[in-house]
Amino acid sequence: MKRWNGDITKLSESYLNCVIEKMLAYGDSVQFSTSGSTDGPNFQVINSAGKKIAFDSDYLLTQTRDDEFTGKNSAVVYSLDQVKARVITLTSPAVKPAPKKSRRVASGSTRGSSALTKAKEQIAIQKYEYYKTNRAALPTDIRDHSEEITRMMESGMTAETAFNEAVKLCYVH
């Protein structure tokens, strides 16, 4: 089995969403280990008091080895906002880097792109919070329509309205 290389950009949206769920339940920071698999490394959630709780790559509680989260076996510690921001880049096609030609034209203006990034982060956070709060009432495969919900929210809809529209469009016939 191939080990994870420590690059958070290589982790999947579904893996990171499960990590976020654990962070919301147990603490506001996370540290990944190189133990686990390429699909998802072991990780530990750290609360504000410095208490740590470790999970394996299948999101189950686990005992850690003494060196699992130190030295060459560990990655940096990420905040909840940083992990959510990574999920945003995975779910929002508009956040992906622009082609080189567009980037060259806009290179003098970082203020606009920063505001756009912040707006997209807010949409992703609102979308995730709505999903988390209403998960039980939503169809189990609503995540398959994440991009459509994001597009609706980018056009000005609230998270609630966008989710309701997605449910209507995709499930009510």
N, C-alpha and C. Protein backbone atom coordinates (compact mmCIF):
# COMPACT_ATOMS: atom_id res chain seq x y z
N MET A 1 0.84 -1.17 0.00
CA MET A 1 0.00 0.00 0.00
C MET A 1 0.88 1.24 0.00
N LYS A 2 0.56 2.16 -0.89
CA LYS A 2 1.32 3.40 -1.01
C LYS A 2 0.92 4.37 0.10
N ARG A 3 1.91 5.05 0.67
CA ARG A 3 1.65 6.00 1.76
C ARG A 3 1.35 7.38 1.20
N TRP A 4 0.60 8.14 1.98
CA TRP A 4 0.30 9.52 1.64
C TRP A 4 1.58 10.33 1.71
N ASN A 5 1.74 11.29 0.82
CA ASN A 5 3.00 12.03 0.73
C ASN A 5 3.03 13.33 1.55
N GLY A 6 1.97 13.63 2.30
CA GLY A 6 1.96 14.83 3.13
C GLY A 6 1.36 16.06 2.47
N ASP A 7 0.93 15.94 1.23
CA ASP A 7 0.38 17.07 0.49
C ASP A 7 -1.14 17.09 0.62
N ILE A 8 -1.68 18.08 1.36
CA ILE A 8 -3.13 18.15 1.60
C ILE A 8 -3.91 18.30 0.30
N THR A 9 -3.28 18.85 -0.73
CA THR A 9 -4.00 19.02 -2.00
C THR A 9 -4.28 17.69 -2.69
N LYS A 10 -3.69 16.61 -2.21
CA LYS A 10 -3.91 15.30 -2.80
C LYS A 10 -5.06 14.54 -2.11
N LEU A 11 -5.64 15.11 -1.05
CA LEU A 11 -6.73 14.45 -0.33
C LEU A 11 -8.07 14.76 -0.98
N SER A 12 -8.96 13.78 -0.99
CA SER A 12 -10.24 13.93 -1.67
C SER A 12 -11.24 14.74 -0.86
N GLU A 13 -12.25 15.24 -1.55
CA GLU A 13 -13.32 16.00 -0.91
C GLU A 13 -14.04 15.16 0.13
N SER A 14 -14.36 13.91 -0.22
CA SER A 14 -15.11 13.07 0.73
C SER A 14 -14.27 12.78 1.98
N TYR A 15 -12.99 12.54 1.81
CA TYR A 15 -12.12 12.30 2.97
C TYR A 15 -12.08 13.56 3.85
N LEU A 16 -11.86 14.72 3.25
CA LEU A 16 -11.77 15.96 4.02
C LEU A 16 -13.10 16.30 4.69
N ASN A 17 -14.23 16.00 4.04
CA ASN A 17 -15.52 16.25 4.69
C ASN A 17 -15.69 15.40 5.94
N CYS A 18 -15.20 14.17 5.91
CA CYS A 18 -15.26 13.33 7.11
C CYS A 18 -14.32 13.86 8.19
N VAL A 19 -13.17 14.37 7.79
CA VAL A 19 -12.24 14.99 8.75
C VAL A 19 -12.92 16.21 9.38
N ILE A 20 -13.60 17.01 8.58
CA ILE A 20 -14.31 18.18 9.09
C ILE A 20 -15.36 17.76 10.12
N GLU A 21 -16.09 16.69 9.85
CA GLU A 21 -17.09 16.21 10.81
C GLU A 21 -16.44 15.88 12.15
N LYS A 22 -15.30 15.23 12.12
CA LYS A 22 -14.58 14.90 13.36
C LYS A 22 -14.09 16.17 14.05
N MET A 23 -13.63 17.14 13.27
CA MET A 23 -13.16 18.39 13.84
C MET A 23 -14.31 19.15 14.51
N LEU A 24 -15.46 19.16 13.88
CA LEU A 24 -16.61 19.84 14.47
C LEU A 24 -17.03 19.19 15.79
N ALA A 25 -16.82 17.89 15.88
CA ALA A 25 -17.21 17.17 17.10
C ALA A 25 -16.15 17.25 18.20
N TYR A 26 -14.85 17.28 17.83
CA TYR A 26 -13.80 17.10 18.83
C TYR A 26 -12.79 18.23 18.98
N GLY A 27 -12.60 19.05 17.98
CA GLY A 27 -11.58 20.09 18.11
C GLY A 27 -11.44 20.92 16.85
N ASP A 28 -10.76 22.04 16.95
CA ASP A 28 -10.71 22.98 15.84
C ASP A 28 -9.42 22.94 15.02
N SER A 29 -8.56 21.96 15.28
CA SER A 29 -7.34 21.80 14.49
C SER A 29 -7.15 20.32 14.17
N VAL A 30 -6.39 20.06 13.12
CA VAL A 30 -6.12 18.67 12.74
C VAL A 30 -4.67 18.57 12.27
N GLN A 31 -4.08 17.42 12.55
CA GLN A 31 -2.73 17.13 12.07
C GLN A 31 -2.79 15.74 11.43
N PHE A 32 -2.25 15.65 10.23
CA PHE A 32 -2.24 14.39 9.51
C PHE A 32 -0.91 13.68 9.73
N SER A 33 -0.95 12.37 9.64
CA SER A 33 0.25 11.55 9.74
C SER A 33 0.53 10.94 8.38
N THR A 34 1.73 10.52 8.14
CA THR A 34 2.01 9.83 6.88
C THR A 34 1.56 8.38 6.95
N SER A 35 1.11 7.93 8.14
CA SER A 35 0.54 6.59 8.26
C SER A 35 -0.86 6.60 7.67
N GLY A 36 -1.27 5.48 7.14
CA GLY A 36 -2.57 5.38 6.49
C GLY A 36 -2.34 5.04 5.04
N SER A 37 -3.24 5.50 4.19
CA SER A 37 -3.12 5.18 2.77
C SER A 37 -3.12 6.45 1.95
N THR A 38 -2.94 6.28 0.64
CA THR A 38 -3.00 7.44 -0.25
C THR A 38 -4.40 8.03 -0.29
N ASP A 39 -5.43 7.21 0.02
CA ASP A 39 -6.81 7.70 0.05
C ASP A 39 -7.05 8.58 1.26
N GLY A 40 -6.30 8.36 2.31
CA GLY A 40 -6.48 9.17 3.50
C GLY A 40 -5.55 8.74 4.60
N PRO A 41 -4.76 9.65 5.10
CA PRO A 41 -3.84 9.30 6.18
C PRO A 41 -4.54 9.27 7.53
N ASN A 42 -3.88 8.68 8.51
CA ASN A 42 -4.36 8.80 9.89
C ASN A 42 -4.27 10.27 10.26
N PHE A 43 -5.08 10.69 11.23
CA PHE A 43 -5.05 12.08 11.64
C PHE A 43 -5.44 12.21 13.10
N GLN A 44 -5.05 13.33 13.70
CA GLN A 44 -5.47 13.60 15.06
C GLN A 44 -6.12 14.98 15.11
N VAL A 45 -7.25 15.03 15.83
CA VAL A 45 -7.96 16.28 16.02
C VAL A 45 -7.49 16.86 17.35
N ILE A 46 -7.23 18.15 17.36
CA ILE A 46 -6.70 18.81 18.55
C ILE A 46 -7.67 19.90 18.98
N ASN A 47 -8.07 19.88 20.26
CA ASN A 47 -9.00 20.92 20.72
C ASN A 47 -8.22 22.12 21.27
N SER A 48 -8.95 23.14 21.68
CA SER A 48 -8.31 24.38 22.12
C SER A 48 -7.48 24.21 23.39
N ALA A 49 -7.74 23.13 24.16
CA ALA A 49 -6.95 22.86 25.36
C ALA A 49 -5.72 22.01 25.06
N GLY A 50 -5.52 21.66 23.77
CA GLY A 50 -4.37 20.85 23.40
C GLY A 50 -4.59 19.35 23.50
N LYS A 51 -5.80 18.93 23.87
CA LYS A 51 -6.12 17.50 23.93
C LYS A 51 -6.23 16.96 22.51
N LYS A 52 -5.75 15.73 22.31
CA LYS A 52 -5.71 15.14 20.98
C LYS A 52 -6.47 13.83 20.96
N ILE A 53 -7.18 13.59 19.85
CA ILE A 53 -7.88 12.33 19.65
C ILE A 53 -7.54 11.86 18.23
N ALA A 54 -7.06 10.63 18.12
CA ALA A 54 -6.54 10.14 16.84
C ALA A 54 -7.55 9.22 16.15
N PHE A 55 -7.53 9.30 14.82
CA PHE A 55 -8.39 8.49 13.98
C PHE A 55 -7.54 7.84 12.89
N ASP A 56 -7.95 6.64 12.48
CA ASP A 56 -7.24 6.01 11.37
C ASP A 56 -7.83 6.50 10.06
N SER A 57 -7.34 5.97 8.96
CA SER A 57 -7.77 6.45 7.64
C SER A 57 -9.21 6.07 7.33
N ASP A 58 -9.84 5.25 8.16
CA ASP A 58 -11.25 4.91 8.01
C ASP A 58 -12.11 5.68 9.00
N TYR A 59 -11.53 6.71 9.64
CA TYR A 59 -12.21 7.62 10.57
C TYR A 59 -12.59 6.95 11.89
N LEU A 60 -11.92 5.86 12.24
CA LEU A 60 -12.18 5.17 13.50
C LEU A 60 -11.14 5.58 14.53
N LEU A 61 -11.56 5.66 15.80
CA LEU A 61 -10.62 5.97 16.87
C LEU A 61 -9.47 4.99 16.84
N THR A 62 -8.28 5.47 17.11
CA THR A 62 -7.11 4.60 17.08
C THR A 62 -6.10 5.04 18.13
N GLN A 63 -5.26 4.13 18.53
CA GLN A 63 -4.13 4.45 19.40
C GLN A 63 -2.98 4.85 18.49
N THR A 64 -2.26 5.86 18.88
CA THR A 64 -1.14 6.30 18.04
C THR A 64 0.17 5.69 18.53
N ARG A 65 1.07 5.53 17.58
CA ARG A 65 2.44 5.16 17.93
C ARG A 65 3.10 6.40 18.50
N ASP A 66 4.13 6.23 19.26
CA ASP A 66 4.82 7.37 19.87
C ASP A 66 5.31 8.39 18.85
N ASP A 67 5.74 7.92 17.68
CA ASP A 67 6.32 8.83 16.69
C ASP A 67 5.37 9.14 15.52
N GLU A 68 4.12 8.76 15.65
CA GLU A 68 3.21 8.89 14.50
C GLU A 68 2.96 10.34 14.08
N PHE A 69 2.92 11.26 15.01
CA PHE A 69 2.63 12.65 14.68
C PHE A 69 3.80 13.58 14.98
N THR A 70 5.01 13.05 14.85
CA THR A 70 6.21 13.85 15.07
C THR A 70 7.18 13.65 13.93
N GLY A 71 8.07 14.58 13.77
CA GLY A 71 9.15 14.46 12.78
C GLY A 71 8.67 14.20 11.38
N LYS A 72 9.32 13.25 10.73
CA LYS A 72 9.02 12.96 9.32
C LYS A 72 7.67 12.28 9.13
N ASN A 73 7.03 11.84 10.21
CA ASN A 73 5.74 11.16 10.11
C ASN A 73 4.54 12.08 10.18
N SER A 74 4.77 13.37 10.34
CA SER A 74 3.64 14.27 10.51
C SER A 74 3.63 15.38 9.48
N ALA A 75 2.46 15.97 9.35
CA ALA A 75 2.30 17.15 8.50
C ALA A 75 2.03 18.33 9.42
N VAL A 76 1.87 19.50 8.83
CA VAL A 76 1.58 20.68 9.63
C VAL A 76 0.19 20.56 10.25
N VAL A 77 -0.09 21.39 11.23
CA VAL A 77 -1.41 21.43 11.85
C VAL A 77 -2.26 22.41 11.04
N TYR A 78 -3.48 21.99 10.69
CA TYR A 78 -4.40 22.82 9.93
C TYR A 78 -5.59 23.20 10.80
N SER A 79 -6.08 24.42 10.61
CA SER A 79 -7.28 24.87 11.31
C SER A 79 -8.51 24.36 10.56
N LEU A 80 -9.65 24.43 11.21
CA LEU A 80 -10.91 24.04 10.57
C LEU A 80 -11.15 24.89 9.33
N ASP A 81 -10.89 26.18 9.41
CA ASP A 81 -11.09 27.06 8.25
C ASP A 81 -10.19 26.67 7.08
N GLN A 82 -8.96 26.26 7.37
CA GLN A 82 -8.05 25.86 6.29
C GLN A 82 -8.54 24.58 5.61
N VAL A 83 -9.06 23.63 6.38
CA VAL A 83 -9.57 22.39 5.79
C VAL A 83 -10.83 22.69 4.98
N LYS A 84 -11.71 23.54 5.52
CA LYS A 84 -12.91 23.92 4.77
C LYS A 84 -12.53 24.63 3.47
N ALA A 85 -11.54 25.49 3.53
CA ALA A 85 -11.09 26.20 2.33
C ALA A 85 -10.58 25.22 1.28
N ARG A 86 -9.92 24.16 1.71
CA ARG A 86 -9.44 23.14 0.77
C ARG A 86 -10.61 22.44 0.10
N VAL A 87 -11.66 22.14 0.88
CA VAL A 87 -12.85 21.51 0.31
C VAL A 87 -13.49 22.44 -0.72
N ILE A 88 -13.49 23.73 -0.43
CA ILE A 88 -14.05 24.71 -1.35
C ILE A 88 -13.34 24.62 -2.70
N THR A 89 -12.04 24.53 -2.68
CA THR A 89 -11.30 24.48 -3.94
C THR A 89 -11.59 23.19 -4.70
N LEU A 90 -11.97 22.14 -3.97
CA LEU A 90 -12.31 20.88 -4.63
C LEU A 90 -13.72 20.89 -5.20
N THR A 91 -14.64 21.66 -4.60
CA THR A 91 -16.04 21.62 -5.01
C THR A 91 -16.44 22.76 -5.92
N SER A 92 -15.66 23.81 -6.01
CA SER A 92 -16.04 24.97 -6.79
C SER A 92 -15.14 25.11 -8.01
N PRO A 93 -15.67 24.82 -9.20
CA PRO A 93 -14.83 24.93 -10.39
C PRO A 93 -14.36 26.35 -10.66
N ALA A 94 -15.08 27.35 -10.17
CA ALA A 94 -14.69 28.74 -10.43
C ALA A 94 -13.45 29.15 -9.64
N VAL A 95 -13.07 28.39 -8.60
CA VAL A 95 -11.90 28.74 -7.80
C VAL A 95 -10.62 28.17 -8.40
N LYS A 96 -10.75 27.23 -9.33
CA LYS A 96 -9.57 26.64 -9.95
C LYS A 96 -8.78 27.71 -10.69
N PRO A 97 -7.47 27.54 -10.80
CA PRO A 97 -6.64 28.56 -11.44
C PRO A 97 -7.11 28.88 -12.86
N ALA A 98 -7.05 30.14 -13.21
CA ALA A 98 -7.42 30.58 -14.55
C ALA A 98 -6.32 30.21 -15.52
N PRO A 99 -6.66 30.12 -16.80
CA PRO A 99 -5.61 29.86 -17.79
C PRO A 99 -4.54 30.94 -17.72
N LYS A 100 -3.34 30.63 -18.19
CA LYS A 100 -2.22 31.57 -18.10
C LYS A 100 -2.54 32.93 -18.70
N LYS A 101 -3.21 32.97 -19.85
CA LYS A 101 -3.50 34.23 -20.50
C LYS A 101 -4.33 35.13 -19.59
N SER A 102 -5.38 34.59 -18.95
CA SER A 102 -6.22 35.37 -18.04
C SER A 102 -5.43 35.82 -16.83
N ARG A 103 -4.59 34.96 -16.32
CA ARG A 103 -3.81 35.29 -15.13
C ARG A 103 -2.88 36.45 -15.41
N ARG A 104 -2.27 36.49 -16.60
CA ARG A 104 -1.37 37.56 -16.96
C ARG A 104 -2.11 38.90 -17.01
N VAL A 105 -3.30 38.90 -17.56
CA VAL A 105 -4.07 40.13 -17.68
C VAL A 105 -4.44 40.66 -16.30
N ALA A 106 -4.79 39.76 -15.36
CA ALA A 106 -5.26 40.19 -14.04
C ALA A 106 -4.14 40.26 -13.01
N SER A 107 -2.90 40.11 -13.41
CA SER A 107 -1.82 40.02 -12.44
C SER A 107 -1.65 41.28 -11.60
N GLY A 108 -2.06 42.44 -12.09
CA GLY A 108 -1.91 43.66 -11.32
C GLY A 108 -2.98 43.83 -10.27
N SER A 109 -4.04 43.06 -10.31
CA SER A 109 -5.15 43.24 -9.39
C SER A 109 -5.33 42.02 -8.51
N THR A 110 -4.80 42.06 -7.31
CA THR A 110 -5.00 40.95 -6.39
C THR A 110 -6.18 41.20 -5.47
N ARG A 111 -6.60 42.46 -5.33
CA ARG A 111 -7.70 42.78 -4.43
C ARG A 111 -8.98 42.11 -4.90
N GLY A 112 -9.29 42.17 -6.20
CA GLY A 112 -10.51 41.57 -6.73
C GLY A 112 -10.53 40.07 -6.58
N SER A 113 -9.42 39.42 -6.87
CA SER A 113 -9.38 37.96 -6.75
C SER A 113 -9.47 37.53 -5.30
N SER A 114 -8.92 38.33 -4.39
CA SER A 114 -9.00 38.02 -2.97
C SER A 114 -10.45 38.11 -2.50
N ALA A 115 -11.16 39.15 -2.93
CA ALA A 115 -12.56 39.32 -2.56
C ALA A 115 -13.39 38.18 -3.14
N LEU A 116 -13.09 37.78 -4.37
CA LEU A 116 -13.80 36.68 -4.99
C LEU A 116 -13.56 35.39 -4.22
N THR A 117 -12.32 35.15 -3.84
CA THR A 117 -11.99 33.95 -3.07
C THR A 117 -12.73 33.96 -1.74
N LYS A 118 -12.76 35.09 -1.06
CA LYS A 118 -13.47 35.18 0.22
C LYS A 118 -14.96 34.95 0.04
N ALA A 119 -15.54 35.47 -1.03
CA ALA A 119 -16.96 35.26 -1.29
C ALA A 119 -17.24 33.78 -1.53
N LYS A 120 -16.38 33.14 -2.28
CA LYS A 120 -16.55 31.71 -2.55
C LYS A 120 -16.38 30.88 -1.27
N GLU A 121 -15.46 31.29 -0.42
CA GLU A 121 -15.29 30.61 0.87
C GLU A 121 -16.55 30.75 1.71
N GLN A 122 -17.14 31.94 1.73
CA GLN A 122 -18.37 32.16 2.50
C GLN A 122 -19.50 31.29 1.97
N ILE A 123 -19.61 31.19 0.66
CA ILE A 123 -20.64 30.34 0.06
C ILE A 123 -20.42 28.90 0.49
N ALA A 124 -19.19 28.43 0.43
CA ALA A 124 -18.91 27.04 0.80
C ALA A 124 -19.20 26.80 2.28
N ILE A 125 -18.87 27.75 3.11
CA ILE A 125 -19.13 27.60 4.55
C ILE A 125 -20.64 27.57 4.80
N GLN A 126 -21.37 28.49 4.17
CA GLN A 126 -22.83 28.51 4.33
C GLN A 126 -23.45 27.23 3.82
N LYS A 127 -22.95 26.75 2.70
CA LYS A 127 -23.47 25.50 2.11
C LYS A 127 -23.20 24.33 3.06
N TYR A 128 -22.00 24.26 3.59
CA TYR A 128 -21.66 23.16 4.49
C TYR A 128 -22.47 23.24 5.79
N GLU A 129 -22.62 24.44 6.34
CA GLU A 129 -23.38 24.60 7.59
C GLU A 129 -24.84 24.19 7.38
N TYR A 130 -25.42 24.59 6.24
CA TYR A 130 -26.81 24.19 5.97
C TYR A 130 -26.89 22.67 5.84
N TYR A 131 -25.96 22.09 5.10
CA TYR A 131 -25.94 20.64 4.94
C TYR A 131 -25.82 19.95 6.29
N LYS A 132 -24.88 20.40 7.10
CA LYS A 132 -24.65 19.78 8.41
C LYS A 132 -25.90 19.86 9.27
N THR A 133 -26.54 20.99 9.29
CA THR A 133 -27.74 21.19 10.12
C THR A 133 -28.93 20.40 9.62
N ASN A 134 -29.05 20.23 8.31
CA ASN A 134 -30.24 19.62 7.71
C ASN A 134 -29.99 18.26 7.07
N ARG A 135 -28.85 17.68 7.35
CA ARG A 135 -28.44 16.43 6.72
C ARG A 135 -29.51 15.34 6.81
N ALA A 136 -30.14 15.20 7.96
CA ALA A 136 -31.13 14.14 8.16
C ALA A 136 -32.34 14.29 7.24
N ALA A 137 -32.70 15.51 6.89
CA ALA A 137 -33.87 15.76 6.06
C ALA A 137 -33.55 15.77 4.57
N LEU A 138 -32.28 15.80 4.21
CA LEU A 138 -31.88 15.87 2.81
C LEU A 138 -31.71 14.47 2.21
N PRO A 139 -31.89 14.35 0.90
CA PRO A 139 -31.64 13.06 0.25
C PRO A 139 -30.19 12.64 0.46
N THR A 140 -29.97 11.35 0.58
CA THR A 140 -28.63 10.85 0.89
C THR A 140 -27.60 11.20 -0.19
N ASP A 141 -28.03 11.33 -1.43
CA ASP A 141 -27.07 11.63 -2.49
C ASP A 141 -27.08 13.09 -2.92
N ILE A 142 -27.51 13.99 -2.04
CA ILE A 142 -27.53 15.42 -2.36
C ILE A 142 -26.13 15.94 -2.66
N ARG A 143 -25.11 15.32 -2.08
CA ARG A 143 -23.72 15.75 -2.35
C ARG A 143 -23.36 15.65 -3.82
N ASP A 144 -24.04 14.75 -4.54
CA ASP A 144 -23.77 14.63 -5.98
C ASP A 144 -24.13 15.91 -6.72
N HIS A 145 -24.90 16.78 -6.09
CA HIS A 145 -25.37 18.01 -6.72
C HIS A 145 -24.72 19.25 -6.13
N SER A 146 -23.56 19.04 -5.53
CA SER A 146 -22.83 20.12 -4.87
C SER A 146 -22.52 21.28 -5.82
N GLU A 147 -22.08 20.97 -7.02
CA GLU A 147 -21.72 22.03 -7.96
C GLU A 147 -22.94 22.86 -8.35
N GLU A 148 -24.09 22.18 -8.56
CA GLU A 148 -25.31 22.91 -8.92
C GLU A 148 -25.73 23.84 -7.78
N ILE A 149 -25.64 23.35 -6.55
CA ILE A 149 -26.00 24.15 -5.39
C ILE A 149 -25.07 25.36 -5.29
N THR A 150 -23.78 25.14 -5.49
CA THR A 150 -22.81 26.23 -5.45
C THR A 150 -23.15 27.28 -6.51
N ARG A 151 -23.43 26.84 -7.73
CA ARG A 151 -23.77 27.79 -8.80
C ARG A 151 -25.01 28.61 -8.43
N MET A 152 -26.02 27.95 -7.86
CA MET A 152 -27.24 28.68 -7.47
C MET A 152 -26.92 29.71 -6.39
N MET A 153 -26.08 29.32 -5.42
CA MET A 153 -25.72 30.26 -4.36
C MET A 153 -24.89 31.42 -4.92
N GLU A 154 -24.03 31.14 -5.90
CA GLU A 154 -23.24 32.20 -6.52
C GLU A 154 -24.13 33.19 -7.27
N SER A 155 -25.30 32.72 -7.71
CA SER A 155 -26.23 33.62 -8.40
C SER A 155 -27.10 34.40 -7.43
N GLY A 156 -26.90 34.21 -6.12
CA GLY A 156 -27.59 35.03 -5.13
C GLY A 156 -28.57 34.30 -4.24
N MET A 157 -28.78 33.00 -4.47
CA MET A 157 -29.71 32.25 -3.61
C MET A 157 -29.08 31.98 -2.25
N THR A 158 -29.93 31.87 -1.24
CA THR A 158 -29.46 31.44 0.07
C THR A 158 -29.17 29.94 0.00
N ALA A 159 -28.47 29.43 0.99
CA ALA A 159 -28.19 27.99 1.03
C ALA A 159 -29.49 27.20 1.08
N GLU A 160 -30.43 27.65 1.90
CA GLU A 160 -31.70 26.94 2.03
C GLU A 160 -32.44 26.88 0.69
N THR A 161 -32.51 28.01 0.02
CA THR A 161 -33.21 28.05 -1.28
C THR A 161 -32.50 27.18 -2.30
N ALA A 162 -31.19 27.25 -2.34
CA ALA A 162 -30.42 26.45 -3.31
C ALA A 162 -30.60 24.96 -3.07
N PHE A 163 -30.54 24.54 -1.80
CA PHE A 163 -30.75 23.12 -1.50
C PHE A 163 -32.17 22.70 -1.88
N ASN A 164 -33.16 23.54 -1.54
CA ASN A 164 -34.55 23.20 -1.88
C ASN A 164 -34.74 23.09 -3.39
N GLU A 165 -34.12 24.00 -4.14
CA GLU A 165 -34.19 23.94 -5.60
C GLU A 165 -33.53 22.67 -6.13
N ALA A 166 -32.39 22.33 -5.59
CA ALA A 166 -31.70 21.11 -6.01
C ALA A 166 -32.55 19.88 -5.74
N VAL A 167 -33.19 19.85 -4.60
CA VAL A 167 -34.07 18.73 -4.27
C VAL A 167 -35.22 18.68 -5.27
N LYS A 168 -35.84 19.83 -5.55
CA LYS A 168 -36.95 19.88 -6.52
C LYS A 168 -36.51 19.44 -7.91
N LEU A 169 -35.40 20.01 -8.37
CA LEU A 169 -34.94 19.71 -9.73
C LEU A 169 -34.50 18.27 -9.89
N CYS A 170 -33.89 17.72 -8.86
CA CYS A 170 -33.27 16.40 -8.99
C CYS A 170 -34.12 15.24 -8.48
N TYR A 171 -35.07 15.52 -7.61
CA TYR A 171 -35.76 14.41 -6.97
C TYR A 171 -37.27 14.44 -7.09
N VAL A 172 -37.86 15.58 -7.36
CA VAL A 172 -39.31 15.67 -7.47
C VAL A 172 -39.69 15.67 -8.94
N HIS A 173 -40.45 14.67 -9.34
CA HIS A 173 -40.82 14.57 -10.77
C HIS A 173 -42.31 14.60 -10.93
